[in-house]
Amino acid sequence: RTHVWKRRPKKLPNPVVPQFPQRVIRADGSSFTHWTTSPRSLIRLTRDVTNHPLWNVSALTREGAVDENEVTGRLGRFNRKFVEEV
């Protein structure tokens, strides 16, 4: 039986994934364009690297904060919670 060719199903080609240009407008007004599979042509961001506290630590710093850890670490969380504002 090895000399008889077996009928194999024909393999379909890979599907073509559509790519759309998408304009992204950041919270500060700057914008950029990138290609994505989403058909939406415009996205407006309210939180991005310009105003998110994880990316922009200077937004959290106060005038009296000498070290970044005083604001962002456990000590900063303790101070925000328990230290009285004078």
N, C-alpha and C. Protein backbone atom coordinates (compact mmCIF):
# COMPACT_ATOMS: atom_id res chain seq x y z
N ARG A 1 0.80 -1.21 0.00
CA ARG A 1 0.00 0.00 0.00
C ARG A 1 0.85 1.27 0.00
N THR A 2 2.11 1.20 0.20
CA THR A 2 2.92 2.41 0.26
C THR A 2 3.09 3.07 -1.09
N HIS A 3 2.85 2.34 -2.15
CA HIS A 3 3.02 2.92 -3.47
C HIS A 3 1.81 3.74 -3.92
N VAL A 4 0.70 3.72 -3.15
CA VAL A 4 -0.50 4.47 -3.50
C VAL A 4 -0.46 5.81 -2.75
N TRP A 5 -0.62 6.88 -3.53
CA TRP A 5 -0.62 8.21 -2.91
C TRP A 5 -1.91 8.44 -2.15
N LYS A 6 -1.76 8.93 -0.94
CA LYS A 6 -2.95 9.22 -0.12
C LYS A 6 -3.43 10.63 -0.46
N ARG A 7 -4.73 10.77 -0.44
CA ARG A 7 -5.31 12.08 -0.67
C ARG A 7 -5.21 12.90 0.61
N ARG A 8 -4.46 13.98 0.55
CA ARG A 8 -4.33 14.86 1.71
C ARG A 8 -5.12 16.12 1.44
N PRO A 9 -5.74 16.68 2.47
CA PRO A 9 -6.48 17.93 2.24
C PRO A 9 -5.52 19.05 1.86
N LYS A 10 -5.96 19.92 0.95
CA LYS A 10 -5.12 21.03 0.53
C LYS A 10 -4.98 22.03 1.67
N LYS A 11 -3.77 22.50 1.86
CA LYS A 11 -3.50 23.44 2.93
C LYS A 11 -3.87 24.86 2.48
N LEU A 12 -4.63 25.54 3.31
CA LEU A 12 -5.02 26.92 2.99
C LEU A 12 -3.87 27.86 3.29
N PRO A 13 -3.73 28.93 2.54
CA PRO A 13 -2.68 29.91 2.85
C PRO A 13 -3.02 30.65 4.14
N ASN A 14 -2.00 31.22 4.76
CA ASN A 14 -2.22 32.01 5.97
C ASN A 14 -3.10 33.21 5.65
N PRO A 15 -3.99 33.56 6.58
CA PRO A 15 -4.86 34.71 6.32
C PRO A 15 -4.07 36.02 6.31
N VAL A 16 -4.55 36.96 5.55
CA VAL A 16 -3.93 38.28 5.49
C VAL A 16 -4.55 39.13 6.60
N VAL A 17 -3.71 39.59 7.51
CA VAL A 17 -4.19 40.41 8.62
C VAL A 17 -4.18 41.86 8.19
N PRO A 18 -5.33 42.53 8.26
CA PRO A 18 -5.36 43.93 7.81
C PRO A 18 -4.63 44.84 8.80
N GLN A 19 -3.94 45.82 8.27
CA GLN A 19 -3.23 46.80 9.08
C GLN A 19 -3.79 48.19 8.75
N PHE A 20 -4.15 48.93 9.80
CA PHE A 20 -4.74 50.26 9.63
C PHE A 20 -3.83 51.30 10.28
N PRO A 21 -3.71 52.48 9.68
CA PRO A 21 -2.99 53.55 10.37
C PRO A 21 -3.87 54.13 11.48
N GLN A 22 -3.26 54.39 12.61
CA GLN A 22 -4.02 54.89 13.76
C GLN A 22 -3.26 56.07 14.36
N ARG A 23 -3.94 57.18 14.55
CA ARG A 23 -3.34 58.37 15.15
C ARG A 23 -3.66 58.37 16.64
N VAL A 24 -2.64 58.49 17.46
CA VAL A 24 -2.79 58.49 18.92
C VAL A 24 -2.46 59.89 19.41
N ILE A 25 -3.41 60.49 20.13
CA ILE A 25 -3.21 61.83 20.70
C ILE A 25 -3.03 61.67 22.20
N ARG A 26 -1.88 62.08 22.70
CA ARG A 26 -1.58 61.97 24.12
C ARG A 26 -2.30 63.07 24.91
N ALA A 27 -2.22 62.96 26.23
CA ALA A 27 -2.91 63.90 27.10
C ALA A 27 -2.35 65.31 26.98
N ASP A 28 -1.06 65.44 26.64
CA ASP A 28 -0.47 66.77 26.53
C ASP A 28 -0.66 67.40 25.15
N GLY A 29 -1.33 66.69 24.24
CA GLY A 29 -1.62 67.24 22.92
C GLY A 29 -0.70 66.73 21.82
N SER A 30 0.43 66.13 22.18
CA SER A 30 1.31 65.58 21.14
C SER A 30 0.67 64.34 20.54
N SER A 31 1.04 64.01 19.32
CA SER A 31 0.42 62.87 18.65
C SER A 31 1.45 62.11 17.83
N PHE A 32 1.13 60.86 17.54
CA PHE A 32 1.95 60.05 16.66
C PHE A 32 1.03 59.07 15.94
N THR A 33 1.52 58.52 14.84
CA THR A 33 0.75 57.57 14.04
C THR A 33 1.47 56.24 14.04
N HIS A 34 0.73 55.16 14.22
CA HIS A 34 1.30 53.83 14.12
C HIS A 34 0.30 52.91 13.44
N TRP A 35 0.78 51.74 13.02
CA TRP A 35 -0.05 50.78 12.31
C TRP A 35 -0.54 49.72 13.28
N THR A 36 -1.84 49.39 13.20
CA THR A 36 -2.43 48.43 14.12
C THR A 36 -3.51 47.64 13.40
N THR A 37 -4.01 46.60 14.06
CA THR A 37 -5.10 45.80 13.49
C THR A 37 -6.46 46.37 13.85
N SER A 38 -6.50 47.38 14.71
CA SER A 38 -7.76 48.01 15.08
C SER A 38 -8.21 48.97 13.98
N PRO A 39 -9.48 48.93 13.58
CA PRO A 39 -9.93 49.83 12.53
C PRO A 39 -10.18 51.26 12.99
N ARG A 40 -10.06 51.54 14.30
CA ARG A 40 -10.24 52.91 14.77
C ARG A 40 -9.11 53.79 14.26
N SER A 41 -9.44 54.93 13.71
CA SER A 41 -8.41 55.78 13.12
C SER A 41 -7.86 56.80 14.12
N LEU A 42 -8.53 57.01 15.25
CA LEU A 42 -8.09 58.03 16.21
C LEU A 42 -8.32 57.53 17.63
N ILE A 43 -7.32 57.71 18.48
CA ILE A 43 -7.46 57.38 19.91
C ILE A 43 -6.94 58.56 20.71
N ARG A 44 -7.73 59.03 21.66
CA ARG A 44 -7.30 60.09 22.56
C ARG A 44 -7.01 59.47 23.93
N LEU A 45 -5.79 59.68 24.41
CA LEU A 45 -5.39 59.12 25.70
C LEU A 45 -5.60 60.14 26.81
N THR A 46 -6.09 59.67 27.95
CA THR A 46 -6.20 60.54 29.12
C THR A 46 -5.06 60.30 30.08
N ARG A 47 -4.52 59.07 30.10
CA ARG A 47 -3.36 58.74 30.93
C ARG A 47 -2.29 58.17 30.03
N ASP A 48 -1.10 58.74 30.08
CA ASP A 48 0.02 58.23 29.31
C ASP A 48 1.31 58.51 30.07
N VAL A 49 2.43 58.36 29.41
CA VAL A 49 3.71 58.52 30.09
C VAL A 49 3.98 59.96 30.52
N THR A 50 3.23 60.92 29.99
CA THR A 50 3.47 62.31 30.37
C THR A 50 2.77 62.70 31.67
N ASN A 51 1.69 61.99 32.06
CA ASN A 51 0.99 62.40 33.27
C ASN A 51 0.70 61.24 34.22
N HIS A 52 1.24 60.06 33.99
CA HIS A 52 1.01 58.93 34.89
C HIS A 52 2.08 58.93 35.97
N PRO A 53 1.71 58.75 37.24
CA PRO A 53 2.69 58.84 38.32
C PRO A 53 3.79 57.78 38.27
N LEU A 54 3.53 56.63 37.68
CA LEU A 54 4.58 55.62 37.59
C LEU A 54 5.69 56.02 36.63
N TRP A 55 5.34 56.73 35.57
CA TRP A 55 6.32 57.14 34.58
C TRP A 55 6.88 58.52 34.85
N ASN A 56 6.12 59.37 35.49
CA ASN A 56 6.52 60.75 35.71
C ASN A 56 6.53 61.03 37.20
N VAL A 57 7.63 60.71 37.86
CA VAL A 57 7.71 60.83 39.31
C VAL A 57 7.74 62.29 39.73
N SER A 58 8.21 63.17 38.87
CA SER A 58 8.31 64.58 39.23
C SER A 58 6.94 65.19 39.50
N ALA A 59 5.87 64.58 38.98
CA ALA A 59 4.53 65.09 39.26
C ALA A 59 4.15 64.86 40.71
N LEU A 60 4.74 63.84 41.34
CA LEU A 60 4.42 63.55 42.74
C LEU A 60 5.31 64.31 43.71
N THR A 61 6.46 64.75 43.27
CA THR A 61 7.43 65.34 44.20
C THR A 61 6.91 66.68 44.72
N ARG A 62 7.21 66.87 45.97
CA ARG A 62 6.89 68.15 46.60
C ARG A 62 8.16 68.96 46.70
N GLU A 63 8.06 70.20 47.12
CA GLU A 63 9.24 71.05 47.22
C GLU A 63 10.19 70.55 48.29
N GLY A 64 9.67 69.96 49.37
CA GLY A 64 10.51 69.52 50.48
C GLY A 64 11.10 68.15 50.28
N ALA A 65 10.71 67.44 49.25
CA ALA A 65 11.20 66.08 49.04
C ALA A 65 12.60 66.13 48.45
N VAL A 66 13.56 65.59 49.20
CA VAL A 66 14.94 65.59 48.75
C VAL A 66 15.20 64.37 47.87
N ASP A 67 14.70 63.22 48.32
CA ASP A 67 14.97 61.96 47.62
C ASP A 67 13.68 61.45 46.98
N GLU A 68 13.82 60.78 45.86
CA GLU A 68 12.66 60.21 45.17
C GLU A 68 11.96 59.17 46.04
N ASN A 69 12.72 58.44 46.85
CA ASN A 69 12.14 57.40 47.70
C ASN A 69 11.23 57.98 48.78
N GLU A 70 11.45 59.24 49.16
CA GLU A 70 10.58 59.87 50.15
C GLU A 70 9.17 60.06 49.61
N VAL A 71 9.04 60.08 48.31
CA VAL A 71 7.74 60.30 47.70
C VAL A 71 7.13 58.99 47.21
N THR A 72 7.95 58.14 46.59
CA THR A 72 7.40 56.98 45.91
C THR A 72 7.42 55.69 46.72
N GLY A 73 8.33 55.57 47.69
CA GLY A 73 8.48 54.31 48.41
C GLY A 73 7.49 54.17 49.55
N ARG A 74 7.80 53.23 50.43
CA ARG A 74 6.94 53.00 51.60
C ARG A 74 6.94 54.21 52.52
N LEU A 75 8.08 54.86 52.63
CA LEU A 75 8.17 56.04 53.48
C LEU A 75 7.28 57.16 52.93
N GLY A 76 7.26 57.30 51.62
CA GLY A 76 6.39 58.31 51.01
C GLY A 76 4.92 58.01 51.24
N ARG A 77 4.55 56.74 51.15
CA ARG A 77 3.16 56.35 51.39
C ARG A 77 2.78 56.59 52.85
N PHE A 78 3.72 56.28 53.76
CA PHE A 78 3.47 56.53 55.18
C PHE A 78 3.30 58.02 55.45
N ASN A 79 4.19 58.82 54.87
CA ASN A 79 4.13 60.27 55.09
C ASN A 79 2.84 60.86 54.55
N ARG A 80 2.40 60.42 53.38
CA ARG A 80 1.14 60.93 52.83
C ARG A 80 -0.05 60.55 53.70
N LYS A 81 0.05 59.41 54.35
CA LYS A 81 -1.10 58.92 55.12
C LYS A 81 -1.15 59.50 56.54
N PHE A 82 0.02 59.63 57.18
CA PHE A 82 0.01 59.93 58.60
C PHE A 82 0.63 61.27 58.99
N VAL A 83 1.50 61.85 58.21
CA VAL A 83 2.13 63.09 58.59
C VAL A 83 1.16 64.23 58.36
N GLU A 84 1.04 65.08 59.36
CA GLU A 84 0.11 66.20 59.27
C GLU A 84 0.73 67.32 58.44
N GLU A 85 -0.07 67.95 57.63
CA GLU A 85 0.39 69.11 56.87
C GLU A 85 0.42 70.31 57.80
N VAL A 86 1.51 71.04 57.78
CA VAL A 86 1.64 72.21 58.67
C VAL A 86 1.37 73.47 57.93
